[in-house]
Amino acid sequence: MRRRNTTIAIRCTEEESRRIHELADRHGLRLNDFIMRCALGKKIVVANGIDEIVRQQKAIGRNLNQIATLANMDRLTAVNFQPLLDEHRKFTELIGRLLREVK
């Protein structure tokens, strides 16, 4: 585990401080993490909509689980999985694109 045990203090104007805090908030990062990423030249990506994608993936997973349970109970004889698999594939590709962008 990485330990941050060194402090770097900087001076800035009230306006600069306000802007830095505002940017950190806009990126959804704590001030320390935002400043570290900026100072080390790391790319900062805001992934708007990721919560909706994850929610959709979870819903599809629940549906697949329910179908598998019914099939195991012999309560289903034939199921057309294609629409569900197509939706799952679409959201999986979206997540993959976002992850590649973040790296």
PDB file of N, CA and C in Angstrom:
ATOM      1  N   MET A   1       0.838  -1.180   0.000  1.00  0.00           N
ATOM      2  CA  MET A   1       0.000   0.000   0.000  1.00  0.00           C
ATOM      3  C   MET A   1       0.886   1.248   0.000  1.00  0.00           C
ATOM      4  N   ARG A   2       0.509   2.198  -0.773  1.00  0.00           N
ATOM      5  CA  ARG A   2       1.277   3.436  -0.938  1.00  0.00           C
ATOM      6  C   ARG A   2       0.995   4.370   0.242  1.00  0.00           C
ATOM      7  N   ARG A   3       2.063   4.907   0.832  1.00  0.00           N
ATOM      8  CA  ARG A   3       1.906   5.858   1.933  1.00  0.00           C
ATOM      9  C   ARG A   3       2.364   7.227   1.484  1.00  0.00           C
ATOM     10  N   ARG A   4       1.488   8.168   1.603  1.00  0.00           N
ATOM     11  CA  ARG A   4       1.842   9.556   1.294  1.00  0.00           C
ATOM     12  C   ARG A   4       2.175  10.232   2.614  1.00  0.00           C
ATOM     13  N   ASN A   5       3.462  10.458   2.829  1.00  0.00           N
ATOM     14  CA  ASN A   5       3.870  11.032   4.105  1.00  0.00           C
ATOM     15  C   ASN A   5       4.679  12.316   3.952  1.00  0.00           C
ATOM     16  N   THR A   6       4.669  12.909   2.780  1.00  0.00           N
ATOM     17  CA  THR A   6       5.374  14.162   2.545  1.00  0.00           C
ATOM     18  C   THR A   6       4.358  15.224   2.143  1.00  0.00           C
ATOM     19  N   THR A   7       4.534  16.416   2.686  1.00  0.00           N
ATOM     20  CA  THR A   7       3.619  17.516   2.401  1.00  0.00           C
ATOM     21  C   THR A   7       4.306  18.541   1.510  1.00  0.00           C
ATOM     22  N   ILE A   8       3.571  19.038   0.529  1.00  0.00           N
ATOM     23  CA  ILE A   8       4.038  20.128  -0.318  1.00  0.00           C
ATOM     24  C   ILE A   8       3.025  21.257  -0.163  1.00  0.00           C
ATOM     25  N   ALA A   9       3.475  22.392   0.285  1.00  0.00           N
ATOM     26  CA  ALA A   9       2.584  23.537   0.462  1.00  0.00           C
ATOM     27  C   ALA A   9       2.813  24.527  -0.680  1.00  0.00           C
ATOM     28  N   ILE A  10       1.734  25.092  -1.179  1.00  0.00           N
ATOM     29  CA  ILE A  10       1.843  26.112  -2.222  1.00  0.00           C
ATOM     30  C   ILE A  10       1.027  27.339  -1.806  1.00  0.00           C
ATOM     31  N   ARG A  11       1.372  28.450  -2.367  1.00  0.00           N
ATOM     32  CA  ARG A  11       0.612  29.679  -2.122  1.00  0.00           C
ATOM     33  C   ARG A  11      -0.129  30.041  -3.402  1.00  0.00           C
ATOM     34  N   CYS A  12      -1.346  30.491  -3.227  1.00  0.00           N
ATOM     35  CA  CYS A  12      -2.138  30.934  -4.378  1.00  0.00           C
ATOM     36  C   CYS A  12      -3.109  32.005  -3.909  1.00  0.00           C
ATOM     37  N   THR A  13      -3.711  32.668  -4.874  1.00  0.00           N
ATOM     38  CA  THR A  13      -4.696  33.696  -4.545  1.00  0.00           C
ATOM     39  C   THR A  13      -6.014  33.023  -4.170  1.00  0.00           C
ATOM     40  N   GLU A  14      -6.899  33.798  -3.589  1.00  0.00           N
ATOM     41  CA  GLU A  14      -8.241  33.288  -3.261  1.00  0.00           C
ATOM     42  C   GLU A  14      -8.945  32.789  -4.528  1.00  0.00           C
ATOM     43  N   GLU A  15      -8.803  33.549  -5.610  1.00  0.00           N
ATOM     44  CA  GLU A  15      -9.440  33.185  -6.884  1.00  0.00           C
ATOM     45  C   GLU A  15      -8.868  31.885  -7.424  1.00  0.00           C
ATOM     46  N   GLU A  16      -7.542  31.741  -7.375  1.00  0.00           N
ATOM     47  CA  GLU A  16      -6.919  30.496  -7.842  1.00  0.00           C
ATOM     48  C   GLU A  16      -7.383  29.309  -6.993  1.00  0.00           C
ATOM     49  N   SER A  17      -7.440  29.506  -5.706  1.00  0.00           N
ATOM     50  CA  SER A  17      -7.907  28.452  -4.802  1.00  0.00           C
ATOM     51  C   SER A  17      -9.347  28.050  -5.123  1.00  0.00           C
ATOM     52  N   ARG A  18     -10.195  29.050  -5.321  1.00  0.00           N
ATOM     53  CA  ARG A  18     -11.601  28.779  -5.662  1.00  0.00           C
ATOM     54  C   ARG A  18     -11.703  27.984  -6.954  1.00  0.00           C
ATOM     55  N   ARG A  19     -10.920  28.396  -7.974  1.00  0.00           N
ATOM     56  CA  ARG A  19     -10.960  27.711  -9.271  1.00  0.00           C
ATOM     57  C   ARG A  19     -10.450  26.279  -9.163  1.00  0.00           C
ATOM     58  N   ILE A  20      -9.383  26.063  -8.400  1.00  0.00           N
ATOM     59  CA  ILE A  20      -8.841  24.711  -8.245  1.00  0.00           C
ATOM     60  C   ILE A  20      -9.858  23.810  -7.538  1.00  0.00           C
ATOM     61  N   HIS A  21     -10.471  24.332  -6.465  1.00  0.00           N
ATOM     62  CA  HIS A  21     -11.494  23.551  -5.760  1.00  0.00           C
ATOM     63  C   HIS A  21     -12.678  23.239  -6.682  1.00  0.00           C
ATOM     64  N   GLU A  22     -13.073  24.228  -7.468  1.00  0.00           N
ATOM     65  CA  GLU A  22     -14.193  24.051  -8.400  1.00  0.00           C
ATOM     66  C   GLU A  22     -13.877  22.972  -9.445  1.00  0.00           C
ATOM     67  N   LEU A  23     -12.666  22.997  -9.976  1.00  0.00           N
ATOM     68  CA  LEU A  23     -12.263  21.987 -10.966  1.00  0.00           C
ATOM     69  C   LEU A  23     -12.222  20.587 -10.359  1.00  0.00           C
ATOM     70  N   ALA A  24     -11.710  20.490  -9.143  1.00  0.00           N
ATOM     71  CA  ALA A  24     -11.675  19.191  -8.466  1.00  0.00           C
ATOM     72  C   ALA A  24     -13.091  18.663  -8.272  1.00  0.00           C
ATOM     73  N   ASP A  25     -14.002  19.533  -7.847  1.00  0.00           N
ATOM     74  CA  ASP A  25     -15.409  19.133  -7.668  1.00  0.00           C
ATOM     75  C   ASP A  25     -16.023  18.704  -8.992  1.00  0.00           C
ATOM     76  N   ARG A  26     -15.755  19.460 -10.036  1.00  0.00           N
ATOM     77  CA  ARG A  26     -16.317  19.154 -11.355  1.00  0.00           C
ATOM     78  C   ARG A  26     -15.855  17.782 -11.858  1.00  0.00           C
ATOM     79  N   HIS A  27     -14.623  17.421 -11.503  1.00  0.00           N
ATOM     80  CA  HIS A  27     -14.086  16.125 -11.918  1.00  0.00           C
ATOM     81  C   HIS A  27     -14.430  15.015 -10.935  1.00  0.00           C
ATOM     82  N   GLY A  28     -15.109  15.371  -9.846  1.00  0.00           N
ATOM     83  CA  GLY A  28     -15.509  14.362  -8.876  1.00  0.00           C
ATOM     84  C   GLY A  28     -14.338  13.793  -8.092  1.00  0.00           C
ATOM     85  N   LEU A  29     -13.304  14.592  -7.897  1.00  0.00           N
ATOM     86  CA  LEU A  29     -12.107  14.133  -7.190  1.00  0.00           C
ATOM     87  C   LEU A  29     -11.893  14.947  -5.923  1.00  0.00           C
ATOM     88  N   ARG A  30     -11.241  14.311  -4.954  1.00  0.00           N
ATOM     89  CA  ARG A  30     -10.799  15.061  -3.789  1.00  0.00           C
ATOM     90  C   ARG A  30      -9.694  16.004  -4.247  1.00  0.00           C
ATOM     91  N   LEU A  31      -9.545  17.103  -3.532  1.00  0.00           N
ATOM     92  CA  LEU A  31      -8.571  18.125  -3.924  1.00  0.00           C
ATOM     93  C   LEU A  31      -7.172  17.536  -4.072  1.00  0.00           C
ATOM     94  N   ASN A  32      -6.744  16.736  -3.118  1.00  0.00           N
ATOM     95  CA  ASN A  32      -5.416  16.128  -3.150  1.00  0.00           C
ATOM     96  C   ASN A  32      -5.226  15.277  -4.408  1.00  0.00           C
ATOM     97  N   ASP A  33      -6.212  14.433  -4.717  1.00  0.00           N
ATOM     98  CA  ASP A  33      -6.103  13.565  -5.902  1.00  0.00           C
ATOM     99  C   ASP A  33      -6.076  14.379  -7.186  1.00  0.00           C
ATOM    100  N   PHE A  34      -6.903  15.420  -7.247  1.00  0.00           N
ATOM    101  CA  PHE A  34      -6.948  16.262  -8.438  1.00  0.00           C
ATOM    102  C   PHE A  34      -5.594  16.933  -8.674  1.00  0.00           C
ATOM    103  N   ILE A  35      -5.038  17.523  -7.628  1.00  0.00           N
ATOM    104  CA  ILE A  35      -3.758  18.231  -7.766  1.00  0.00           C
ATOM    105  C   ILE A  35      -2.641  17.255  -8.128  1.00  0.00           C
ATOM    106  N   MET A  36      -2.629  16.064  -7.510  1.00  0.00           N
ATOM    107  CA  MET A  36      -1.600  15.067  -7.816  1.00  0.00           C
ATOM    108  C   MET A  36      -1.668  14.663  -9.285  1.00  0.00           C
ATOM    109  N   ARG A  37      -2.872  14.401  -9.781  1.00  0.00           N
ATOM    110  CA  ARG A  37      -3.020  13.987 -11.181  1.00  0.00           C
ATOM    111  C   ARG A  37      -2.582  15.090 -12.133  1.00  0.00           C
ATOM    112  N   CYS A  38      -2.966  16.320 -11.830  1.00  0.00           N
ATOM    113  CA  CYS A  38      -2.561  17.447 -12.684  1.00  0.00           C
ATOM    114  C   CYS A  38      -1.047  17.613 -12.671  1.00  0.00           C
ATOM    115  N   ALA A  39      -0.464  17.585 -11.492  1.00  0.00           N
ATOM    116  CA  ALA A  39       0.978  17.822 -11.357  1.00  0.00           C
ATOM    117  C   ALA A  39       1.802  16.726 -12.014  1.00  0.00           C
ATOM    118  N   LEU A  40       1.285  15.495 -12.001  1.00  0.00           N
ATOM    119  CA  LEU A  40       2.028  14.371 -12.577  1.00  0.00           C
ATOM    120  C   LEU A  40       1.662  14.117 -14.042  1.00  0.00           C
ATOM    121  N   GLY A  41       0.858  15.002 -14.624  1.00  0.00           N
ATOM    122  CA  GLY A  41       0.527  14.902 -16.041  1.00  0.00           C
ATOM    123  C   GLY A  41      -0.400  13.757 -16.389  1.00  0.00           C
ATOM    124  N   LYS A  42      -1.160  13.270 -15.407  1.00  0.00           N
ATOM    125  CA  LYS A  42      -2.090  12.180 -15.685  1.00  0.00           C
ATOM    126  C   LYS A  42      -3.364  12.737 -16.310  1.00  0.00           C
ATOM    127  N   LYS A  43      -3.949  11.958 -17.187  1.00  0.00           N
ATOM    128  CA  LYS A  43      -5.171  12.372 -17.862  1.00  0.00           C
ATOM    129  C   LYS A  43      -6.349  12.260 -16.891  1.00  0.00           C
ATOM    130  N   ILE A  44      -7.172  13.288 -16.859  1.00  0.00           N
ATOM    131  CA  ILE A  44      -8.357  13.285 -16.006  1.00  0.00           C
ATOM    132  C   ILE A  44      -9.569  13.182 -16.918  1.00  0.00           C
ATOM    133  N   VAL A  45     -10.327  12.121 -16.756  1.00  0.00           N
ATOM    134  CA  VAL A  45     -11.493  11.872 -17.595  1.00  0.00           C
ATOM    135  C   VAL A  45     -12.732  11.826 -16.710  1.00  0.00           C
ATOM    136  N   VAL A  46     -13.758  12.575 -17.098  1.00  0.00           N
ATOM    137  CA  VAL A  46     -15.031  12.528 -16.403  1.00  0.00           C
ATOM    138  C   VAL A  46     -15.926  11.583 -17.194  1.00  0.00           C
ATOM    139  N   ALA A  47     -16.329  10.503 -16.552  1.00  0.00           N
ATOM    140  CA  ALA A  47     -17.149   9.480 -17.221  1.00  0.00           C
ATOM    141  C   ALA A  47     -18.610   9.684 -16.854  1.00  0.00           C
ATOM    142  N   ASN A  48     -19.223  10.725 -17.423  1.00  0.00           N
ATOM    143  CA  ASN A  48     -20.649  10.953 -17.183  1.00  0.00           C
ATOM    144  C   ASN A  48     -21.450   9.802 -17.760  1.00  0.00           C
ATOM    145  N   GLY A  49     -22.425   9.350 -17.015  1.00  0.00           N
ATOM    146  CA  GLY A  49     -23.294   8.287 -17.504  1.00  0.00           C
ATOM    147  C   GLY A  49     -22.854   6.892 -17.124  1.00  0.00           C
ATOM    148  N   ILE A  50     -21.703   6.754 -16.474  1.00  0.00           N
ATOM    149  CA  ILE A  50     -21.221   5.419 -16.124  1.00  0.00           C
ATOM    150  C   ILE A  50     -22.171   4.738 -15.147  1.00  0.00           C
ATOM    151  N   ASP A  51     -22.806   5.512 -14.262  1.00  0.00           N
ATOM    152  CA  ASP A  51     -23.741   4.924 -13.309  1.00  0.00           C
ATOM    153  C   ASP A  51     -24.914   4.258 -14.019  1.00  0.00           C
ATOM    154  N   GLU A  52     -25.398   4.890 -15.074  1.00  0.00           N
ATOM    155  CA  GLU A  52     -26.517   4.321 -15.838  1.00  0.00           C
ATOM    156  C   GLU A  52     -26.092   3.039 -16.546  1.00  0.00           C
ATOM    157  N   ILE A  53     -24.894   3.021 -17.077  1.00  0.00           N
ATOM    158  CA  ILE A  53     -24.399   1.824 -17.756  1.00  0.00           C
ATOM    159  C   ILE A  53     -24.267   0.675 -16.769  1.00  0.00           C
ATOM    160  N   VAL A  54     -23.710   0.946 -15.606  1.00  0.00           N
ATOM    161  CA  VAL A  54     -23.561  -0.099 -14.585  1.00  0.00           C
ATOM    162  C   VAL A  54     -24.930  -0.588 -14.138  1.00  0.00           C
ATOM    163  N   ARG A  55     -25.881   0.320 -13.980  1.00  0.00           N
ATOM    164  CA  ARG A  55     -27.242  -0.071 -13.587  1.00  0.00           C
ATOM    165  C   ARG A  55     -27.862  -1.013 -14.625  1.00  0.00           C
ATOM    166  N   GLN A  56     -27.670  -0.693 -15.905  1.00  0.00           N
ATOM    167  CA  GLN A  56     -28.203  -1.538 -16.977  1.00  0.00           C
ATOM    168  C   GLN A  56     -27.548  -2.923 -16.963  1.00  0.00           C
ATOM    169  N   GLN A  57     -26.233  -2.955 -16.759  1.00  0.00           N
ATOM    170  CA  GLN A  57     -25.517  -4.239 -16.710  1.00  0.00           C
ATOM    171  C   GLN A  57     -26.035  -5.096 -15.562  1.00  0.00           C
ATOM    172  N   LYS A  58     -26.272  -4.485 -14.416  1.00  0.00           N
ATOM    173  CA  LYS A  58     -26.792  -5.228 -13.265  1.00  0.00           C
ATOM    174  C   LYS A  58     -28.188  -5.772 -13.556  1.00  0.00           C
ATOM    175  N   ALA A  59     -29.018  -4.959 -14.199  1.00  0.00           N
ATOM    176  CA  ALA A  59     -30.375  -5.399 -14.530  1.00  0.00           C
ATOM    177  C   ALA A  59     -30.345  -6.588 -15.488  1.00  0.00           C
ATOM    178  N   ILE A  60     -29.481  -6.527 -16.473  1.00  0.00           N
ATOM    179  CA  ILE A  60     -29.350  -7.632 -17.423  1.00  0.00           C
ATOM    180  C   ILE A  60     -28.857  -8.881 -16.705  1.00  0.00           C
ATOM    181  N   GLY A  61     -27.894  -8.715 -15.816  1.00  0.00           N
ATOM    182  CA  GLY A  61     -27.385  -9.852 -15.047  1.00  0.00           C
ATOM    183  C   GLY A  61     -28.466 -10.485 -14.198  1.00  0.00           C
ATOM    184  N   ARG A  62     -29.309  -9.659 -13.575  1.00  0.00           N
ATOM    185  CA  ARG A  62     -30.431 -10.200 -12.782  1.00  0.00           C
ATOM    186  C   ARG A  62     -31.391 -10.980 -13.673  1.00  0.00           C
ATOM    187  N   ASN A  63     -31.689 -10.430 -14.850  1.00  0.00           N
ATOM    188  CA  ASN A  63     -32.577 -11.132 -15.779  1.00  0.00           C
ATOM    189  C   ASN A  63     -32.001 -12.484 -16.186  1.00  0.00           C
ATOM    190  N   LEU A  64     -30.722 -12.510 -16.500  1.00  0.00           N
ATOM    191  CA  LEU A  64     -30.080 -13.773 -16.869  1.00  0.00           C
ATOM    192  C   LEU A  64     -30.134 -14.765 -15.714  1.00  0.00           C
ATOM    193  N   ASN A  65     -29.926 -14.274 -14.500  1.00  0.00           N
ATOM    194  CA  ASN A  65     -30.007 -15.136 -13.320  1.00  0.00           C
ATOM    195  C   ASN A  65     -31.404 -15.730 -13.152  1.00  0.00           C
ATOM    196  N   GLN A  66     -32.421 -14.909 -13.322  1.00  0.00           N
ATOM    197  CA  GLN A  66     -33.798 -15.380 -13.186  1.00  0.00           C
ATOM    198  C   GLN A  66     -34.123 -16.430 -14.243  1.00  0.00           C
ATOM    199  N   ILE A  67     -33.681 -16.189 -15.461  1.00  0.00           N
ATOM    200  CA  ILE A  67     -33.919 -17.150 -16.536  1.00  0.00           C
ATOM    201  C   ILE A  67     -33.197 -18.462 -16.249  1.00  0.00           C
ATOM    202  N   ALA A  68     -31.956 -18.377 -15.796  1.00  0.00           N
ATOM    203  CA  ALA A  68     -31.194 -19.588 -15.480  1.00  0.00           C
ATOM    204  C   ALA A  68     -31.861 -20.361 -14.354  1.00  0.00           C
ATOM    205  N   THR A  69     -32.364 -19.654 -13.336  1.00  0.00           N
ATOM    206  CA  THR A  69     -33.048 -20.327 -12.221  1.00  0.00           C
ATOM    207  C   THR A  69     -34.290 -21.051 -12.715  1.00  0.00           C
ATOM    208  N   LEU A  70     -35.086 -20.378 -13.544  1.00  0.00           N
ATOM    209  CA  LEU A  70     -36.297 -21.017 -14.082  1.00  0.00           C
ATOM    210  C   LEU A  70     -35.953 -22.218 -14.955  1.00  0.00           C
ATOM    211  N   ALA A  71     -34.903 -22.093 -15.751  1.00  0.00           N
ATOM    212  CA  ALA A  71     -34.496 -23.212 -16.605  1.00  0.00           C
ATOM    213  C   ALA A  71     -34.035 -24.395 -15.755  1.00  0.00           C
ATOM    214  N   ASN A  72     -33.312 -24.121 -14.679  1.00  0.00           N
ATOM    215  CA  ASN A  72     -32.860 -25.197 -13.797  1.00  0.00           C
ATOM    216  C   ASN A  72     -34.011 -25.858 -13.050  1.00  0.00           C
ATOM    217  N   MET A  73     -35.114 -25.150 -12.880  1.00  0.00           N
ATOM    218  CA  MET A  73     -36.291 -25.712 -12.221  1.00  0.00           C
ATOM    219  C   MET A  73     -37.214 -26.404 -13.225  1.00  0.00           C
ATOM    220  N   ASP A  74     -36.772 -26.498 -14.470  1.00  0.00           N
ATOM    221  CA  ASP A  74     -37.568 -27.070 -15.563  1.00  0.00           C
ATOM    222  C   ASP A  74     -38.888 -26.335 -15.775  1.00  0.00           C
ATOM    223  N   ARG A  75     -38.901 -25.042 -15.494  1.00  0.00           N
ATOM    224  CA  ARG A  75     -40.096 -24.238 -15.722  1.00  0.00           C
ATOM    225  C   ARG A  75     -40.027 -23.510 -17.065  1.00  0.00           C
ATOM    226  N   LEU A  76     -38.888 -23.627 -17.755  1.00  0.00           N
ATOM    227  CA  LEU A  76     -38.724 -23.059 -19.090  1.00  0.00           C
ATOM    228  C   LEU A  76     -38.294 -24.166 -20.035  1.00  0.00           C
ATOM    229  N   THR A  77     -38.876 -24.164 -21.204  1.00  0.00           N
ATOM    230  CA  THR A  77     -38.458 -25.159 -22.192  1.00  0.00           C
ATOM    231  C   THR A  77     -37.697 -24.513 -23.338  1.00  0.00           C
ATOM    232  N   ALA A  78     -38.051 -23.283 -23.682  1.00  0.00           N
ATOM    233  CA  ALA A  78     -37.356 -22.590 -24.771  1.00  0.00           C
ATOM    234  C   ALA A  78     -37.294 -21.098 -24.438  1.00  0.00           C
ATOM    235  N   VAL A  79     -36.118 -20.532 -24.611  1.00  0.00           N
ATOM    236  CA  VAL A  79     -35.919 -19.111 -24.319  1.00  0.00           C
ATOM    237  C   VAL A  79     -35.133 -18.490 -25.457  1.00  0.00           C
ATOM    238  N   ASN A  80     -35.561 -17.312 -25.900  1.00  0.00           N
ATOM    239  CA  ASN A  80     -34.821 -16.565 -26.901  1.00  0.00           C
ATOM    240  C   ASN A  80     -33.909 -15.584 -26.168  1.00  0.00           C
ATOM    241  N   PHE A  81     -32.668 -15.974 -26.002  1.00  0.00           N
ATOM    242  CA  PHE A  81     -31.701 -15.151 -25.284  1.00  0.00           C
ATOM    243  C   PHE A  81     -31.132 -14.026 -26.137  1.00  0.00           C
ATOM    244  N   GLN A  82     -31.339 -14.050 -27.425  1.00  0.00           N
ATOM    245  CA  GLN A  82     -30.658 -13.107 -28.316  1.00  0.00           C
ATOM    246  C   GLN A  82     -30.868 -11.638 -27.958  1.00  0.00           C
ATOM    247  N   PRO A  83     -32.113 -11.170 -27.734  1.00  0.00           N
ATOM    248  CA  PRO A  83     -32.274  -9.746 -27.383  1.00  0.00           C
ATOM    249  C   PRO A  83     -31.514  -9.367 -26.101  1.00  0.00           C
ATOM    250  N   LEU A  84     -31.556 -10.240 -25.117  1.00  0.00           N
ATOM    251  CA  LEU A  84     -30.867  -9.980 -23.867  1.00  0.00           C
ATOM    252  C   LEU A  84     -29.350  -9.984 -24.064  1.00  0.00           C
ATOM    253  N   LEU A  85     -28.866 -10.930 -24.848  1.00  0.00           N
ATOM    254  CA  LEU A  85     -27.438 -10.987 -25.124  1.00  0.00           C
ATOM    255  C   LEU A  85     -26.972  -9.776 -25.927  1.00  0.00           C
ATOM    256  N   ASP A  86     -27.796  -9.317 -26.866  1.00  0.00           N
ATOM    257  CA  ASP A  86     -27.456  -8.121 -27.650  1.00  0.00           C
ATOM    258  C   ASP A  86     -27.328  -6.888 -26.750  1.00  0.00           C
ATOM    259  N   GLU A  87     -28.271  -6.726 -25.817  1.00  0.00           N
ATOM    260  CA  GLU A  87     -28.213  -5.598 -24.884  1.00  0.00           C
ATOM    261  C   GLU A  87     -26.977  -5.708 -23.999  1.00  0.00           C
ATOM    262  N   HIS A  88     -26.716  -6.899 -23.503  1.00  0.00           N
ATOM    263  CA  HIS A  88     -25.551  -7.111 -22.644  1.00  0.00           C
ATOM    264  C   HIS A  88     -24.269  -6.780 -23.405  1.00  0.00           C
ATOM    265  N   ARG A  89     -24.170  -7.225 -24.634  1.00  0.00           N
ATOM    266  CA  ARG A  89     -22.986  -6.968 -25.467  1.00  0.00           C
ATOM    267  C   ARG A  89     -22.802  -5.463 -25.691  1.00  0.00           C
ATOM    268  N   LYS A  90     -23.905  -4.772 -25.968  1.00  0.00           N
ATOM    269  CA  LYS A  90     -23.849  -3.332 -26.224  1.00  0.00           C
ATOM    270  C   LYS A  90     -23.288  -2.586 -25.013  1.00  0.00           C
ATOM    271  N   PHE A  91     -23.798  -2.900 -23.829  1.00  0.00           N
ATOM    272  CA  PHE A  91     -23.336  -2.205 -22.633  1.00  0.00           C
ATOM    273  C   PHE A  91     -21.918  -2.627 -22.244  1.00  0.00           C
ATOM    274  N   THR A  92     -21.571  -3.863 -22.501  1.00  0.00           N
ATOM    275  CA  THR A  92     -20.209  -4.317 -22.220  1.00  0.00           C
ATOM    276  C   THR A  92     -19.217  -3.575 -23.112  1.00  0.00           C
ATOM    277  N   GLU A  93     -19.565  -3.357 -24.371  1.00  0.00           N
ATOM    278  CA  GLU A  93     -18.703  -2.597 -25.273  1.00  0.00           C
ATOM    279  C   GLU A  93     -18.563  -1.145 -24.816  1.00  0.00           C
ATOM    280  N   LEU A  94     -19.655  -0.545 -24.337  1.00  0.00           N
ATOM    281  CA  LEU A  94     -19.593   0.822 -23.828  1.00  0.00           C
ATOM    282  C   LEU A  94     -18.656   0.918 -22.627  1.00  0.00           C
ATOM    283  N   ILE A  95     -18.760  -0.030 -21.727  1.00  0.00           N
ATOM    284  CA  ILE A  95     -17.888  -0.040 -20.555  1.00  0.00           C
ATOM    285  C   ILE A  95     -16.437  -0.210 -20.998  1.00  0.00           C
ATOM    286  N   GLY A  96     -16.192  -1.092 -21.959  1.00  0.00           N
ATOM    287  CA  GLY A  96     -14.848  -1.289 -22.469  1.00  0.00           C
ATOM    288  C   GLY A  96     -14.258  -0.023 -23.068  1.00  0.00           C
ATOM    289  N   ARG A  97     -15.059   0.710 -23.838  1.00  0.00           N
ATOM    290  CA  ARG A  97     -14.587   1.968 -24.429  1.00  0.00           C
ATOM    291  C   ARG A  97     -14.238   2.993 -23.345  1.00  0.00           C
ATOM    292  N   LEU A  98     -15.093   3.071 -22.331  1.00  0.00           N
ATOM    293  CA  LEU A  98     -14.825   4.015 -21.238  1.00  0.00           C
ATOM    294  C   LEU A  98     -13.540   3.639 -20.500  1.00  0.00           C
ATOM    295  N   LEU A  99     -13.347   2.363 -20.259  1.00  0.00           N
ATOM    296  CA  LEU A  99     -12.138   1.924 -19.548  1.00  0.00           C
ATOM    297  C   LEU A  99     -10.886   2.209 -20.356  1.00  0.00           C
ATOM    298  N   ARG A 100     -10.948   2.003 -21.667  1.00  0.00           N
ATOM    299  CA  ARG A 100      -9.790   2.314 -22.515  1.00  0.00           C
ATOM    300  C   ARG A 100      -9.494   3.804 -22.495  1.00  0.00           C
ATOM    301  N   GLU A 101     -10.528   4.629 -22.440  1.00  0.00           N
ATOM    302  CA  GLU A 101     -10.353   6.076 -22.412  1.00  0.00           C
ATOM    303  C   GLU A 101      -9.720   6.514 -21.095  1.00  0.00           C
ATOM    304  N   VAL A 102     -10.093   5.877 -20.008  1.00  0.00           N
ATOM    305  CA  VAL A 102      -9.580   6.240 -18.690  1.00  0.00           C
ATOM    306  C   VAL A 102      -8.118   5.854 -18.556  1.00  0.00           C
ATOM    307  N   LYS A 103      -7.717   4.723 -19.109  1.00  0.00           N
ATOM    308  CA  LYS A 103      -6.312   4.288 -19.013  1.00  0.00           C
ATOM    309  C   LYS A 103      -5.478   5.207 -19.787  1.00  0.00           C
TER     310      LYS A 103
END
